[in-house]
Amino acid sequence: MRLEPQYGPRLSNEEYDKRILSLYRSLPPLPSHDQDTEVRRQELNLAIDHRLGRGFPEERRSALWAVQQRIEKKRLRLGMKYLLRRLIGRFFARDARSLAGYAAEEYARVLSPGELNLFLDLKDGEPPRLPVDIEHFHK
């Protein structure tokens, strides 16, 4: 059972896609670190508006941003392993699963279980996953 959001109206899929495109089109070809950081924060806010509702509290948005930054550090390390995947392919798959679990645990510090399922687009009991075909790395 999916929890209905209690934070007001949500962005539709179409409005979310439109705003994400607009956000990235507004970036210069080589954005500064600060511009990139601001766009990632705005992208998170759009995801919150889309999945949880436009009235999601600001202090919890800030808490999710802090989580996002911690996850980003781990993601960068995972990216380096990806570059070396031929050497460590089976470890990459394990680490990808671990990162998805870590991300869910970190988001769960801020979100209720129902909110977490909405935010990560999970069905009840479905484990978190990364949008990566990890089976590819077993070859």
N, C-alpha and C. Protein backbone atom coordinates (compact mmCIF):
# COMPACT_ATOMS: atom_id res chain seq x y z
N MET A 1 0.84 -1.18 0.00
CA MET A 1 0.00 0.00 0.00
C MET A 1 0.89 1.24 0.00
N ARG A 2 0.64 2.16 -0.91
CA ARG A 2 1.42 3.39 -0.99
C ARG A 2 0.73 4.49 -0.20
N LEU A 3 1.50 5.18 0.58
CA LEU A 3 1.00 6.29 1.36
C LEU A 3 0.73 7.47 0.44
N GLU A 4 -0.44 8.05 0.57
CA GLU A 4 -0.72 9.26 -0.19
C GLU A 4 0.00 10.43 0.48
N PRO A 5 0.54 11.32 -0.30
CA PRO A 5 1.30 12.42 0.29
C PRO A 5 0.40 13.34 1.11
N GLN A 6 0.96 13.85 2.17
CA GLN A 6 0.23 14.76 3.03
C GLN A 6 0.80 16.18 2.94
N TYR A 7 1.54 16.43 1.90
CA TYR A 7 2.23 17.70 1.77
C TYR A 7 1.72 18.51 0.58
N GLY A 8 0.45 18.42 0.32
CA GLY A 8 -0.15 19.20 -0.75
C GLY A 8 0.03 18.59 -2.11
N PRO A 9 -0.34 19.35 -3.12
CA PRO A 9 -0.27 18.81 -4.49
C PRO A 9 1.17 18.50 -4.89
N ARG A 10 1.29 17.51 -5.76
CA ARG A 10 2.59 17.12 -6.29
C ARG A 10 2.69 17.58 -7.73
N LEU A 11 3.92 17.76 -8.20
CA LEU A 11 4.14 18.06 -9.61
C LEU A 11 3.76 16.83 -10.43
N SER A 12 3.10 17.04 -11.54
CA SER A 12 2.80 15.93 -12.44
C SER A 12 4.09 15.48 -13.11
N ASN A 13 4.07 14.30 -13.71
CA ASN A 13 5.24 13.81 -14.44
C ASN A 13 5.65 14.81 -15.51
N GLU A 14 4.68 15.34 -16.22
CA GLU A 14 4.96 16.28 -17.31
C GLU A 14 5.58 17.57 -16.78
N GLU A 15 5.01 18.11 -15.68
CA GLU A 15 5.53 19.35 -15.11
C GLU A 15 6.93 19.12 -14.55
N TYR A 16 7.15 17.99 -13.91
CA TYR A 16 8.47 17.66 -13.38
C TYR A 16 9.49 17.61 -14.52
N ASP A 17 9.17 16.87 -15.59
CA ASP A 17 10.09 16.76 -16.73
C ASP A 17 10.38 18.14 -17.33
N LYS A 18 9.35 18.95 -17.46
CA LYS A 18 9.50 20.29 -18.03
C LYS A 18 10.43 21.15 -17.17
N ARG A 19 10.25 21.09 -15.86
CA ARG A 19 11.08 21.91 -14.96
C ARG A 19 12.52 21.41 -14.90
N ILE A 20 12.71 20.10 -14.96
CA ILE A 20 14.08 19.56 -14.97
C ILE A 20 14.79 20.01 -16.24
N LEU A 21 14.12 19.90 -17.38
CA LEU A 21 14.73 20.35 -18.64
C LEU A 21 15.08 21.83 -18.57
N SER A 22 14.18 22.64 -18.07
CA SER A 22 14.42 24.07 -17.96
C SER A 22 15.61 24.35 -17.03
N LEU A 23 15.69 23.62 -15.95
CA LEU A 23 16.77 23.79 -15.00
C LEU A 23 18.13 23.55 -15.66
N TYR A 24 18.25 22.46 -16.41
CA TYR A 24 19.52 22.13 -17.04
C TYR A 24 19.81 22.98 -18.26
N ARG A 25 18.79 23.42 -18.94
CA ARG A 25 19.01 24.31 -20.09
C ARG A 25 19.52 25.68 -19.65
N SER A 26 19.23 26.06 -18.40
CA SER A 26 19.67 27.36 -17.91
C SER A 26 21.15 27.37 -17.51
N LEU A 27 21.76 26.21 -17.45
CA LEU A 27 23.17 26.12 -17.08
C LEU A 27 24.08 26.54 -18.23
N PRO A 28 25.19 27.20 -17.92
CA PRO A 28 26.17 27.46 -18.97
C PRO A 28 26.86 26.15 -19.37
N PRO A 29 27.54 26.13 -20.51
CA PRO A 29 28.19 24.88 -20.96
C PRO A 29 29.17 24.30 -19.94
N LEU A 30 29.89 25.14 -19.24
CA LEU A 30 30.83 24.69 -18.21
C LEU A 30 30.46 25.36 -16.88
N PRO A 31 29.50 24.81 -16.17
CA PRO A 31 29.07 25.46 -14.93
C PRO A 31 30.16 25.41 -13.86
N SER A 32 30.16 26.44 -13.02
CA SER A 32 31.08 26.47 -11.89
C SER A 32 30.62 25.44 -10.86
N HIS A 33 31.49 25.18 -9.91
CA HIS A 33 31.14 24.23 -8.84
C HIS A 33 29.88 24.71 -8.10
N ASP A 34 29.83 26.02 -7.81
CA ASP A 34 28.67 26.57 -7.10
C ASP A 34 27.39 26.44 -7.93
N GLN A 35 27.49 26.70 -9.23
CA GLN A 35 26.32 26.56 -10.10
C GLN A 35 25.85 25.11 -10.15
N ASP A 36 26.79 24.19 -10.26
CA ASP A 36 26.45 22.77 -10.29
C ASP A 36 25.78 22.35 -8.98
N THR A 37 26.32 22.81 -7.87
CA THR A 37 25.75 22.48 -6.57
C THR A 37 24.33 23.02 -6.45
N GLU A 38 24.13 24.25 -6.88
CA GLU A 38 22.79 24.86 -6.81
C GLU A 38 21.80 24.11 -7.69
N VAL A 39 22.21 23.69 -8.86
CA VAL A 39 21.32 22.95 -9.75
C VAL A 39 20.96 21.60 -9.13
N ARG A 40 21.92 20.94 -8.52
CA ARG A 40 21.61 19.66 -7.87
C ARG A 40 20.64 19.84 -6.72
N ARG A 41 20.78 20.94 -5.98
CA ARG A 41 19.83 21.21 -4.88
C ARG A 41 18.44 21.49 -5.45
N GLN A 42 18.36 22.27 -6.51
CA GLN A 42 17.07 22.54 -7.13
C GLN A 42 16.45 21.27 -7.70
N GLU A 43 17.29 20.40 -8.25
CA GLU A 43 16.81 19.12 -8.78
C GLU A 43 16.21 18.28 -7.65
N LEU A 44 16.86 18.26 -6.50
CA LEU A 44 16.32 17.53 -5.35
C LEU A 44 14.98 18.12 -4.92
N ASN A 45 14.89 19.44 -4.87
CA ASN A 45 13.63 20.07 -4.50
C ASN A 45 12.51 19.73 -5.48
N LEU A 46 12.84 19.67 -6.77
CA LEU A 46 11.83 19.27 -7.75
C LEU A 46 11.41 17.82 -7.53
N ALA A 47 12.36 16.96 -7.21
CA ALA A 47 12.03 15.55 -6.93
C ALA A 47 11.11 15.46 -5.72
N ILE A 48 11.39 16.24 -4.69
CA ILE A 48 10.53 16.26 -3.51
C ILE A 48 9.13 16.75 -3.88
N ASP A 49 9.06 17.85 -4.64
CA ASP A 49 7.76 18.38 -5.07
C ASP A 49 6.99 17.35 -5.89
N HIS A 50 7.70 16.57 -6.68
CA HIS A 50 7.08 15.57 -7.56
C HIS A 50 6.63 14.34 -6.78
N ARG A 51 7.46 13.86 -5.87
CA ARG A 51 7.17 12.61 -5.18
C ARG A 51 6.41 12.78 -3.87
N LEU A 52 6.69 13.86 -3.14
CA LEU A 52 6.12 14.00 -1.80
C LEU A 52 5.11 15.14 -1.69
N GLY A 53 5.28 16.18 -2.45
CA GLY A 53 4.35 17.31 -2.41
C GLY A 53 5.07 18.63 -2.23
N ARG A 54 4.44 19.66 -2.76
CA ARG A 54 5.06 20.99 -2.74
C ARG A 54 5.15 21.60 -1.35
N GLY A 55 4.33 21.10 -0.42
CA GLY A 55 4.34 21.64 0.93
C GLY A 55 5.27 20.90 1.89
N PHE A 56 6.16 20.07 1.36
CA PHE A 56 7.10 19.34 2.22
C PHE A 56 7.93 20.37 2.99
N PRO A 57 8.08 20.18 4.31
CA PRO A 57 8.73 21.20 5.16
C PRO A 57 10.17 21.51 4.76
N GLU A 58 10.51 22.78 4.87
CA GLU A 58 11.84 23.26 4.47
C GLU A 58 12.94 22.62 5.30
N GLU A 59 12.73 22.45 6.61
CA GLU A 59 13.80 21.87 7.44
C GLU A 59 14.06 20.41 7.05
N ARG A 60 13.04 19.70 6.60
CA ARG A 60 13.24 18.32 6.16
C ARG A 60 13.86 18.30 4.76
N ARG A 61 13.58 19.30 3.94
CA ARG A 61 14.26 19.43 2.65
C ARG A 61 15.76 19.61 2.89
N SER A 62 16.09 20.47 3.85
CA SER A 62 17.51 20.71 4.17
C SER A 62 18.17 19.43 4.68
N ALA A 63 17.43 18.66 5.47
CA ALA A 63 17.97 17.39 5.96
C ALA A 63 18.20 16.42 4.80
N LEU A 64 17.28 16.39 3.84
CA LEU A 64 17.47 15.53 2.66
C LEU A 64 18.65 16.01 1.82
N TRP A 65 18.87 17.31 1.75
CA TRP A 65 20.01 17.84 1.01
C TRP A 65 21.31 17.37 1.66
N ALA A 66 21.37 17.38 3.00
CA ALA A 66 22.55 16.90 3.70
C ALA A 66 22.78 15.41 3.40
N VAL A 67 21.71 14.65 3.38
CA VAL A 67 21.79 13.23 3.02
C VAL A 67 22.33 13.10 1.60
N GLN A 68 21.78 13.89 0.69
CA GLN A 68 22.18 13.83 -0.72
C GLN A 68 23.68 14.09 -0.87
N GLN A 69 24.19 15.02 -0.11
CA GLN A 69 25.62 15.33 -0.19
C GLN A 69 26.47 14.17 0.32
N ARG A 70 26.03 13.50 1.38
CA ARG A 70 26.77 12.33 1.87
C ARG A 70 26.75 11.21 0.84
N ILE A 71 25.59 11.02 0.22
CA ILE A 71 25.47 9.98 -0.80
C ILE A 71 26.37 10.30 -1.99
N GLU A 72 26.43 11.57 -2.37
CA GLU A 72 27.26 11.99 -3.50
C GLU A 72 28.72 11.61 -3.29
N LYS A 73 29.22 11.76 -2.08
CA LYS A 73 30.61 11.39 -1.79
C LYS A 73 30.83 9.90 -2.05
N LYS A 74 29.88 9.09 -1.60
CA LYS A 74 30.00 7.64 -1.85
C LYS A 74 29.84 7.34 -3.33
N ARG A 75 28.96 8.07 -4.01
CA ARG A 75 28.74 7.84 -5.44
C ARG A 75 30.01 8.13 -6.23
N LEU A 76 30.74 9.15 -5.85
CA LEU A 76 31.99 9.48 -6.55
C LEU A 76 33.00 8.35 -6.41
N ARG A 77 33.06 7.78 -5.22
CA ARG A 77 33.97 6.63 -5.03
C ARG A 77 33.52 5.46 -5.89
N LEU A 78 32.21 5.23 -5.96
CA LEU A 78 31.68 4.16 -6.78
C LEU A 78 32.00 4.43 -8.26
N GLY A 79 31.94 5.69 -8.66
CA GLY A 79 32.27 6.04 -10.04
C GLY A 79 33.70 5.69 -10.40
N MET A 80 34.60 5.88 -9.46
CA MET A 80 36.00 5.52 -9.71
C MET A 80 36.13 4.01 -9.88
N LYS A 81 35.39 3.27 -9.09
CA LYS A 81 35.42 1.81 -9.23
C LYS A 81 34.83 1.40 -10.58
N TYR A 82 33.82 2.14 -11.02
CA TYR A 82 33.21 1.83 -12.32
C TYR A 82 34.26 1.91 -13.42
N LEU A 83 35.11 2.93 -13.35
CA LEU A 83 36.16 3.09 -14.36
C LEU A 83 37.11 1.90 -14.38
N LEU A 84 37.25 1.27 -13.24
CA LEU A 84 38.15 0.13 -13.13
C LEU A 84 37.40 -1.20 -13.11
N ARG A 85 36.17 -1.20 -13.62
CA ARG A 85 35.28 -2.36 -13.47
C ARG A 85 35.84 -3.64 -14.07
N ARG A 86 36.64 -3.58 -15.09
CA ARG A 86 37.18 -4.80 -15.67
C ARG A 86 38.07 -5.53 -14.65
N LEU A 87 38.67 -4.75 -13.79
CA LEU A 87 39.54 -5.35 -12.78
C LEU A 87 38.77 -5.81 -11.54
N ILE A 88 37.67 -5.10 -11.26
CA ILE A 88 36.95 -5.39 -10.02
C ILE A 88 35.45 -5.53 -10.26
N GLY A 89 35.04 -6.10 -11.34
CA GLY A 89 33.63 -6.19 -11.73
C GLY A 89 32.71 -6.75 -10.67
N ARG A 90 33.05 -7.85 -10.07
CA ARG A 90 32.14 -8.45 -9.10
C ARG A 90 32.02 -7.58 -7.85
N PHE A 91 33.08 -6.86 -7.50
CA PHE A 91 33.01 -5.97 -6.35
C PHE A 91 32.13 -4.77 -6.63
N PHE A 92 32.12 -4.32 -7.89
CA PHE A 92 31.28 -3.18 -8.27
C PHE A 92 29.82 -3.50 -8.04
N ALA A 93 29.37 -4.68 -8.44
CA ALA A 93 27.96 -5.06 -8.27
C ALA A 93 27.59 -5.06 -6.80
N ARG A 94 28.45 -5.63 -5.97
CA ARG A 94 28.19 -5.65 -4.53
C ARG A 94 28.14 -4.22 -3.98
N ASP A 95 29.07 -3.38 -4.39
CA ASP A 95 29.12 -2.00 -3.90
C ASP A 95 27.93 -1.19 -4.39
N ALA A 96 27.43 -1.47 -5.61
CA ALA A 96 26.26 -0.76 -6.12
C ALA A 96 25.04 -1.09 -5.26
N ARG A 97 24.88 -2.36 -4.91
CA ARG A 97 23.78 -2.74 -4.02
C ARG A 97 23.94 -2.07 -2.66
N SER A 98 25.17 -2.03 -2.18
CA SER A 98 25.45 -1.42 -0.89
C SER A 98 25.13 0.08 -0.92
N LEU A 99 25.46 0.77 -2.00
CA LEU A 99 25.17 2.20 -2.11
C LEU A 99 23.66 2.44 -2.11
N ALA A 100 22.91 1.62 -2.81
CA ALA A 100 21.45 1.78 -2.84
C ALA A 100 20.89 1.60 -1.43
N GLY A 101 21.38 0.61 -0.71
CA GLY A 101 20.93 0.40 0.67
C GLY A 101 21.33 1.55 1.57
N TYR A 102 22.55 2.03 1.39
CA TYR A 102 23.02 3.16 2.19
C TYR A 102 22.16 4.39 1.93
N ALA A 103 21.87 4.66 0.65
CA ALA A 103 21.05 5.82 0.31
C ALA A 103 19.68 5.72 0.97
N ALA A 104 19.06 4.56 0.89
CA ALA A 104 17.74 4.37 1.49
C ALA A 104 17.80 4.57 3.01
N GLU A 105 18.84 4.02 3.65
CA GLU A 105 18.99 4.19 5.10
C GLU A 105 19.15 5.67 5.47
N GLU A 106 19.93 6.39 4.69
CA GLU A 106 20.15 7.80 4.97
C GLU A 106 18.86 8.61 4.77
N TYR A 107 18.16 8.36 3.67
CA TYR A 107 16.88 9.05 3.45
C TYR A 107 15.87 8.70 4.53
N ALA A 108 15.92 7.47 5.03
CA ALA A 108 14.98 7.02 6.06
C ALA A 108 15.20 7.75 7.38
N ARG A 109 16.35 8.38 7.56
CA ARG A 109 16.58 9.19 8.76
C ARG A 109 15.70 10.43 8.77
N VAL A 110 15.24 10.84 7.57
CA VAL A 110 14.45 12.05 7.43
C VAL A 110 12.99 11.71 7.11
N LEU A 111 12.78 10.66 6.34
CA LEU A 111 11.45 10.33 5.83
C LEU A 111 10.83 9.16 6.58
N SER A 112 9.51 9.17 6.65
CA SER A 112 8.79 8.02 7.20
C SER A 112 8.86 6.88 6.18
N PRO A 113 8.54 5.64 6.56
CA PRO A 113 8.58 4.54 5.59
C PRO A 113 7.71 4.80 4.36
N GLY A 114 6.52 5.33 4.54
CA GLY A 114 5.66 5.63 3.40
C GLY A 114 6.23 6.72 2.52
N GLU A 115 6.79 7.75 3.14
CA GLU A 115 7.43 8.83 2.38
C GLU A 115 8.63 8.30 1.61
N LEU A 116 9.40 7.42 2.25
CA LEU A 116 10.57 6.84 1.60
C LEU A 116 10.15 6.05 0.36
N ASN A 117 9.11 5.24 0.47
CA ASN A 117 8.63 4.49 -0.69
C ASN A 117 8.19 5.43 -1.81
N LEU A 118 7.50 6.50 -1.46
CA LEU A 118 7.09 7.48 -2.48
C LEU A 118 8.31 8.14 -3.11
N PHE A 119 9.25 8.57 -2.28
CA PHE A 119 10.40 9.30 -2.78
C PHE A 119 11.28 8.45 -3.67
N LEU A 120 11.48 7.17 -3.30
CA LEU A 120 12.32 6.28 -4.09
C LEU A 120 11.52 5.49 -5.12
N ASP A 121 10.21 5.73 -5.17
CA ASP A 121 9.31 5.05 -6.10
C ASP A 121 9.38 3.54 -5.92
N LEU A 122 9.27 3.11 -4.66
CA LEU A 122 9.32 1.70 -4.33
C LEU A 122 7.94 1.20 -3.94
N LYS A 123 7.67 -0.04 -4.24
CA LYS A 123 6.47 -0.71 -3.76
C LYS A 123 6.81 -1.26 -2.37
N ASP A 124 5.78 -1.53 -1.55
CA ASP A 124 6.01 -2.07 -0.22
C ASP A 124 6.87 -3.32 -0.31
N GLY A 125 7.91 -3.38 0.51
CA GLY A 125 8.79 -4.53 0.56
C GLY A 125 9.84 -4.60 -0.52
N GLU A 126 9.78 -3.72 -1.51
CA GLU A 126 10.76 -3.72 -2.60
C GLU A 126 12.07 -3.11 -2.10
N PRO A 127 13.20 -3.78 -2.34
CA PRO A 127 14.47 -3.22 -1.88
C PRO A 127 14.89 -2.04 -2.75
N PRO A 128 15.63 -1.10 -2.18
CA PRO A 128 16.14 0.01 -2.99
C PRO A 128 17.13 -0.50 -4.02
N ARG A 129 17.24 0.22 -5.13
CA ARG A 129 18.14 -0.19 -6.20
C ARG A 129 18.67 1.05 -6.89
N LEU A 130 19.80 0.88 -7.55
CA LEU A 130 20.36 1.95 -8.36
C LEU A 130 19.94 1.71 -9.81
N PRO A 131 19.84 2.77 -10.59
CA PRO A 131 19.48 2.59 -12.01
C PRO A 131 20.67 2.14 -12.84
N VAL A 132 21.25 1.00 -12.42
CA VAL A 132 22.43 0.44 -13.09
C VAL A 132 22.17 -1.03 -13.30
N ASP A 133 22.51 -1.54 -14.47
CA ASP A 133 22.38 -2.97 -14.74
C ASP A 133 23.60 -3.65 -14.14
N ILE A 134 23.48 -4.01 -12.85
CA ILE A 134 24.65 -4.57 -12.16
C ILE A 134 25.00 -5.96 -12.66
N GLU A 135 24.07 -6.64 -13.28
CA GLU A 135 24.39 -7.97 -13.82
C GLU A 135 25.41 -7.86 -14.94
N HIS A 136 25.46 -6.71 -15.61
CA HIS A 136 26.43 -6.46 -16.66
C HIS A 136 27.86 -6.62 -16.16
N PHE A 137 28.06 -6.31 -14.89
CA PHE A 137 29.41 -6.31 -14.32
C PHE A 137 29.86 -7.69 -13.87
N HIS A 138 28.97 -8.66 -13.91
CA HIS A 138 29.37 -10.03 -13.55
C HIS A 138 30.03 -10.73 -14.72
N LYS A 139 29.94 -10.16 -15.89
CA LYS A 139 30.47 -10.82 -17.11
C LYS A 139 31.97 -10.66 -17.19
